[in-house]
Amino acid sequence: MTTLKEQLQEDLTAAIKTRDELRSSTIRLTLAAVTAQEVAGTTKRELSDAEVLNVIAKEAKKRREAAEAFEGAGRAESAAQERAEGEVLAGYLPKQLSDEELTGIVAAAVAESGATGPQAMGAVMKLVKPKVEGLADGGRVAAAVKAALAG
């Protein structure tokens, strides 16, 4: 059973052998972020697969935000490069929830908490977050909760 970090290292080796510049540079940067996370703090440690997934999700989010920034600045080529790197990272992440699935989870949490009005957002988020961890972007979740409480 290989860990996610070992999988990344194997994929990096394969990408280098096939001279896949995009994959190799993206995976190399991601592994660097994983290593940085491992040595952060007082003692070096191995990250669990869940922690490695969090690092990959953060890296993917950085790529999404950078692509949007480049697009806004009219730099389509740079935006396309960031999107392509994001696609490579997306291959390691669990499939994201659809809008319908997310809305269903949020509706169930609102019903469970008996929350009404925007002031109950924190209570609903507390119920929803563990169910959607890694499966939906925080901004999407917050928007869905806000919409459910406004409705």
C-alpha atoms as a PDB file:
ATOM      1  CA  MET A   1       0.000   0.000   0.000  1.00  0.00           C
ATOM      2  CA  THR A   2       1.712   3.159  -1.172  1.00  0.00           C
ATOM      3  CA  THR A   3       1.123   6.447   0.578  1.00  0.00           C
ATOM      4  CA  LEU A   4      -0.052   9.483  -1.354  1.00  0.00           C
ATOM      5  CA  LYS A   5       3.397  11.053  -0.996  1.00  0.00           C
ATOM      6  CA  GLU A   6       5.043   7.922  -2.465  1.00  0.00           C
ATOM      7  CA  GLN A   7       2.498   8.020  -5.301  1.00  0.00           C
ATOM      8  CA  LEU A   8       3.461  11.635  -6.020  1.00  0.00           C
ATOM      9  CA  GLN A   9       7.156  10.676  -6.067  1.00  0.00           C
ATOM     10  CA  GLU A  10       6.502   7.751  -8.439  1.00  0.00           C
ATOM     11  CA  ASP A  11       4.422   9.998 -10.715  1.00  0.00           C
ATOM     12  CA  LEU A  12       7.207  12.597 -10.673  1.00  0.00           C
ATOM     13  CA  THR A  13       9.748   9.972 -11.790  1.00  0.00           C
ATOM     14  CA  ALA A  14       7.406   8.817 -14.563  1.00  0.00           C
ATOM     15  CA  ALA A  15       6.774  12.410 -15.689  1.00  0.00           C
ATOM     16  CA  ILE A  16      10.506  13.129 -15.819  1.00  0.00           C
ATOM     17  CA  LYS A  17      11.138   9.974 -17.871  1.00  0.00           C
ATOM     18  CA  THR A  18       8.438  10.940 -20.379  1.00  0.00           C
ATOM     19  CA  ARG A  19       9.690  14.543 -20.371  1.00  0.00           C
ATOM     20  CA  ASP A  20       6.253  15.812 -19.313  1.00  0.00           C
ATOM     21  CA  GLU A  21       7.312  19.297 -18.191  1.00  0.00           C
ATOM     22  CA  LEU A  22       3.892  20.340 -16.892  1.00  0.00           C
ATOM     23  CA  ARG A  23       3.373  17.248 -14.703  1.00  0.00           C
ATOM     24  CA  SER A  24       6.942  17.121 -13.429  1.00  0.00           C
ATOM     25  CA  SER A  25       7.101  20.803 -12.441  1.00  0.00           C
ATOM     26  CA  THR A  26       3.644  20.737 -10.833  1.00  0.00           C
ATOM     27  CA  ILE A  27       4.339  17.561  -8.852  1.00  0.00           C
ATOM     28  CA  ARG A  28       7.799  18.825  -7.877  1.00  0.00           C
ATOM     29  CA  LEU A  29       6.292  22.035  -6.455  1.00  0.00           C
ATOM     30  CA  THR A  30       3.622  20.044  -4.624  1.00  0.00           C
ATOM     31  CA  LEU A  31       6.205  17.705  -3.090  1.00  0.00           C
ATOM     32  CA  ALA A  32       8.185  20.766  -1.993  1.00  0.00           C
ATOM     33  CA  ALA A  33       5.048  22.086  -0.265  1.00  0.00           C
ATOM     34  CA  VAL A  34       4.552  18.684   1.433  1.00  0.00           C
ATOM     35  CA  THR A  35       8.177  18.692   2.637  1.00  0.00           C
ATOM     36  CA  ALA A  36       7.819  22.259   3.897  1.00  0.00           C
ATOM     37  CA  GLN A  37       4.764  21.167   5.870  1.00  0.00           C
ATOM     38  CA  GLU A  38       6.679  18.182   7.286  1.00  0.00           C
ATOM     39  CA  VAL A  39       9.517  20.320   8.624  1.00  0.00           C
ATOM     40  CA  ALA A  40       7.269  23.134   9.873  1.00  0.00           C
ATOM     41  CA  GLY A  41       7.101  23.226  13.645  1.00  0.00           C
ATOM     42  CA  THR A  42       9.589  21.914  16.159  1.00  0.00           C
ATOM     43  CA  THR A  43      10.004  18.328  14.942  1.00  0.00           C
ATOM     44  CA  LYS A  44      10.130  16.802  11.461  1.00  0.00           C
ATOM     45  CA  ARG A  45       7.362  14.288  10.827  1.00  0.00           C
ATOM     46  CA  GLU A  46       5.728  12.302   8.047  1.00  0.00           C
ATOM     47  CA  LEU A  47       2.383  13.700   6.916  1.00  0.00           C
ATOM     48  CA  SER A  48      -0.613  11.385   6.797  1.00  0.00           C
ATOM     49  CA  ASP A  49      -2.422  10.913   3.482  1.00  0.00           C
ATOM     50  CA  ALA A  50      -5.175  13.245   4.720  1.00  0.00           C
ATOM     51  CA  GLU A  51      -2.608  15.956   5.485  1.00  0.00           C
ATOM     52  CA  VAL A  52      -0.949  15.458   2.084  1.00  0.00           C
ATOM     53  CA  LEU A  53      -4.411  15.812   0.489  1.00  0.00           C
ATOM     54  CA  ASN A  54      -4.855  19.119   2.338  1.00  0.00           C
ATOM     55  CA  VAL A  55      -1.530  20.351   0.944  1.00  0.00           C
ATOM     56  CA  ILE A  56      -2.577  19.302  -2.595  1.00  0.00           C
ATOM     57  CA  ALA A  57      -5.957  21.035  -2.141  1.00  0.00           C
ATOM     58  CA  LYS A  58      -4.189  24.243  -1.034  1.00  0.00           C
ATOM     59  CA  GLU A  59      -1.858  24.061  -4.032  1.00  0.00           C
ATOM     60  CA  ALA A  60      -4.840  23.534  -6.369  1.00  0.00           C
ATOM     61  CA  LYS A  61      -6.621  26.512  -4.798  1.00  0.00           C
ATOM     62  CA  LYS A  62      -3.516  28.667  -5.351  1.00  0.00           C
ATOM     63  CA  ARG A  63      -3.556  27.672  -9.033  1.00  0.00           C
ATOM     64  CA  ARG A  64      -7.275  28.554  -9.359  1.00  0.00           C
ATOM     65  CA  GLU A  65      -6.772  31.949  -7.737  1.00  0.00           C
ATOM     66  CA  ALA A  66      -3.674  32.691  -9.820  1.00  0.00           C
ATOM     67  CA  ALA A  67      -5.519  31.728 -13.023  1.00  0.00           C
ATOM     68  CA  GLU A  68      -8.338  34.141 -12.132  1.00  0.00           C
ATOM     69  CA  ALA A  69      -5.835  36.908 -11.353  1.00  0.00           C
ATOM     70  CA  PHE A  70      -3.967  36.351 -14.638  1.00  0.00           C
ATOM     71  CA  GLU A  71      -7.251  36.306 -16.530  1.00  0.00           C
ATOM     72  CA  GLY A  72      -8.280  39.598 -14.918  1.00  0.00           C
ATOM     73  CA  ALA A  73      -4.942  41.084 -15.954  1.00  0.00           C
ATOM     74  CA  GLY A  74      -5.428  39.910 -19.546  1.00  0.00           C
ATOM     75  CA  ARG A  75      -2.640  37.319 -19.410  1.00  0.00           C
ATOM     76  CA  ALA A  76      -4.449  34.386 -20.988  1.00  0.00           C
ATOM     77  CA  GLU A  77      -1.306  32.304 -21.551  1.00  0.00           C
ATOM     78  CA  SER A  78      -0.311  32.450 -17.859  1.00  0.00           C
ATOM     79  CA  ALA A  79      -3.910  31.740 -16.838  1.00  0.00           C
ATOM     80  CA  ALA A  80      -3.960  28.659 -19.097  1.00  0.00           C
ATOM     81  CA  GLN A  81      -0.687  27.427 -17.549  1.00  0.00           C
ATOM     82  CA  GLU A  82      -2.114  27.777 -14.006  1.00  0.00           C
ATOM     83  CA  ARG A  83      -5.318  25.968 -15.055  1.00  0.00           C
ATOM     84  CA  ALA A  84      -3.301  23.130 -16.591  1.00  0.00           C
ATOM     85  CA  GLU A  85      -1.316  22.765 -13.340  1.00  0.00           C
ATOM     86  CA  GLY A  86      -4.609  22.782 -11.438  1.00  0.00           C
ATOM     87  CA  GLU A  87      -5.857  19.928 -13.634  1.00  0.00           C
ATOM     88  CA  VAL A  88      -2.774  17.851 -12.786  1.00  0.00           C
ATOM     89  CA  LEU A  89      -3.425  18.400  -9.063  1.00  0.00           C
ATOM     90  CA  ALA A  90      -7.147  17.700  -9.430  1.00  0.00           C
ATOM     91  CA  GLY A  91      -6.217  14.151 -10.441  1.00  0.00           C
ATOM     92  CA  TYR A  92      -5.027  13.530  -6.870  1.00  0.00           C
ATOM     93  CA  LEU A  93      -8.040  15.071  -5.144  1.00  0.00           C
ATOM     94  CA  PRO A  94     -11.337  13.339  -4.417  1.00  0.00           C
ATOM     95  CA  LYS A  95     -14.120  14.193  -6.853  1.00  0.00           C
ATOM     96  CA  GLN A  96     -15.754  17.464  -5.841  1.00  0.00           C
ATOM     97  CA  LEU A  97     -19.410  17.497  -4.782  1.00  0.00           C
ATOM     98  CA  SER A  98     -21.926  18.686  -7.352  1.00  0.00           C
ATOM     99  CA  ASP A  99     -24.038  21.753  -6.511  1.00  0.00           C
ATOM    100  CA  GLU A 100     -27.057  19.486  -5.930  1.00  0.00           C
ATOM    101  CA  GLU A 101     -25.150  17.234  -3.502  1.00  0.00           C
ATOM    102  CA  LEU A 102     -23.785  20.248  -1.624  1.00  0.00           C
ATOM    103  CA  THR A 103     -27.229  21.862  -1.412  1.00  0.00           C
ATOM    104  CA  GLY A 104     -28.661  18.602  -0.046  1.00  0.00           C
ATOM    105  CA  ILE A 105     -26.009  18.334   2.685  1.00  0.00           C
ATOM    106  CA  VAL A 106     -26.504  21.990   3.640  1.00  0.00           C
ATOM    107  CA  ALA A 107     -30.316  21.605   3.730  1.00  0.00           C
ATOM    108  CA  ALA A 108     -29.979  18.559   6.019  1.00  0.00           C
ATOM    109  CA  ALA A 109     -27.622  20.481   8.330  1.00  0.00           C
ATOM    110  CA  VAL A 110     -29.984  23.474   8.470  1.00  0.00           C
ATOM    111  CA  ALA A 111     -32.875  21.135   9.352  1.00  0.00           C
ATOM    112  CA  GLU A 112     -30.754  19.290  11.938  1.00  0.00           C
ATOM    113  CA  SER A 113     -29.638  22.497  13.664  1.00  0.00           C
ATOM    114  CA  GLY A 114     -33.074  24.133  13.434  1.00  0.00           C
ATOM    115  CA  ALA A 115     -31.232  27.275  12.349  1.00  0.00           C
ATOM    116  CA  THR A 116     -32.949  30.269  10.852  1.00  0.00           C
ATOM    117  CA  GLY A 117     -31.466  33.532   9.679  1.00  0.00           C
ATOM    118  CA  PRO A 118     -27.911  34.514   8.793  1.00  0.00           C
ATOM    119  CA  GLN A 119     -26.788  34.713  12.449  1.00  0.00           C
ATOM    120  CA  ALA A 120     -26.965  30.889  12.613  1.00  0.00           C
ATOM    121  CA  MET A 121     -24.381  30.488   9.830  1.00  0.00           C
ATOM    122  CA  GLY A 122     -21.604  29.437  12.237  1.00  0.00           C
ATOM    123  CA  ALA A 123     -23.702  26.649  13.757  1.00  0.00           C
ATOM    124  CA  VAL A 124     -24.656  25.278  10.332  1.00  0.00           C
ATOM    125  CA  MET A 125     -21.067  25.533   9.015  1.00  0.00           C
ATOM    126  CA  LYS A 126     -19.892  23.500  12.038  1.00  0.00           C
ATOM    127  CA  LEU A 127     -22.247  20.663  11.008  1.00  0.00           C
ATOM    128  CA  VAL A 128     -21.526  20.869   7.264  1.00  0.00           C
ATOM    129  CA  LYS A 129     -17.731  21.226   7.321  1.00  0.00           C
ATOM    130  CA  PRO A 130     -16.814  17.685   8.480  1.00  0.00           C
ATOM    131  CA  LYS A 131     -19.172  16.171   5.874  1.00  0.00           C
ATOM    132  CA  VAL A 132     -17.687  18.082   2.937  1.00  0.00           C
ATOM    133  CA  GLU A 133     -14.022  18.308   4.002  1.00  0.00           C
ATOM    134  CA  GLY A 134     -11.907  18.072   0.843  1.00  0.00           C
ATOM    135  CA  LEU A 135     -14.990  17.553  -1.344  1.00  0.00           C
ATOM    136  CA  ALA A 136     -16.026  21.188  -1.770  1.00  0.00           C
ATOM    137  CA  ASP A 137     -14.223  24.533  -1.646  1.00  0.00           C
ATOM    138  CA  GLY A 138     -14.895  26.556   1.522  1.00  0.00           C
ATOM    139  CA  GLY A 139     -16.245  29.493  -0.486  1.00  0.00           C
ATOM    140  CA  ARG A 140     -18.798  27.271  -2.215  1.00  0.00           C
ATOM    141  CA  VAL A 141     -19.873  25.800   1.122  1.00  0.00           C
ATOM    142  CA  ALA A 142     -20.281  29.230   2.729  1.00  0.00           C
ATOM    143  CA  ALA A 143     -22.298  30.478  -0.251  1.00  0.00           C
ATOM    144  CA  ALA A 144     -24.583  27.427  -0.110  1.00  0.00           C
ATOM    145  CA  VAL A 145     -25.144  27.855   3.649  1.00  0.00           C
ATOM    146  CA  LYS A 146     -25.828  31.571   3.195  1.00  0.00           C
ATOM    147  CA  ALA A 147     -28.348  30.831   0.432  1.00  0.00           C
ATOM    148  CA  ALA A 148     -30.084  28.136   2.515  1.00  0.00           C
ATOM    149  CA  LEU A 149     -30.399  30.440   5.531  1.00  0.00           C
ATOM    150  CA  ALA A 150     -31.617  33.367   3.427  1.00  0.00           C
ATOM    151  CA  GLY A 151     -34.255  31.207   1.770  1.00  0.00           C
END
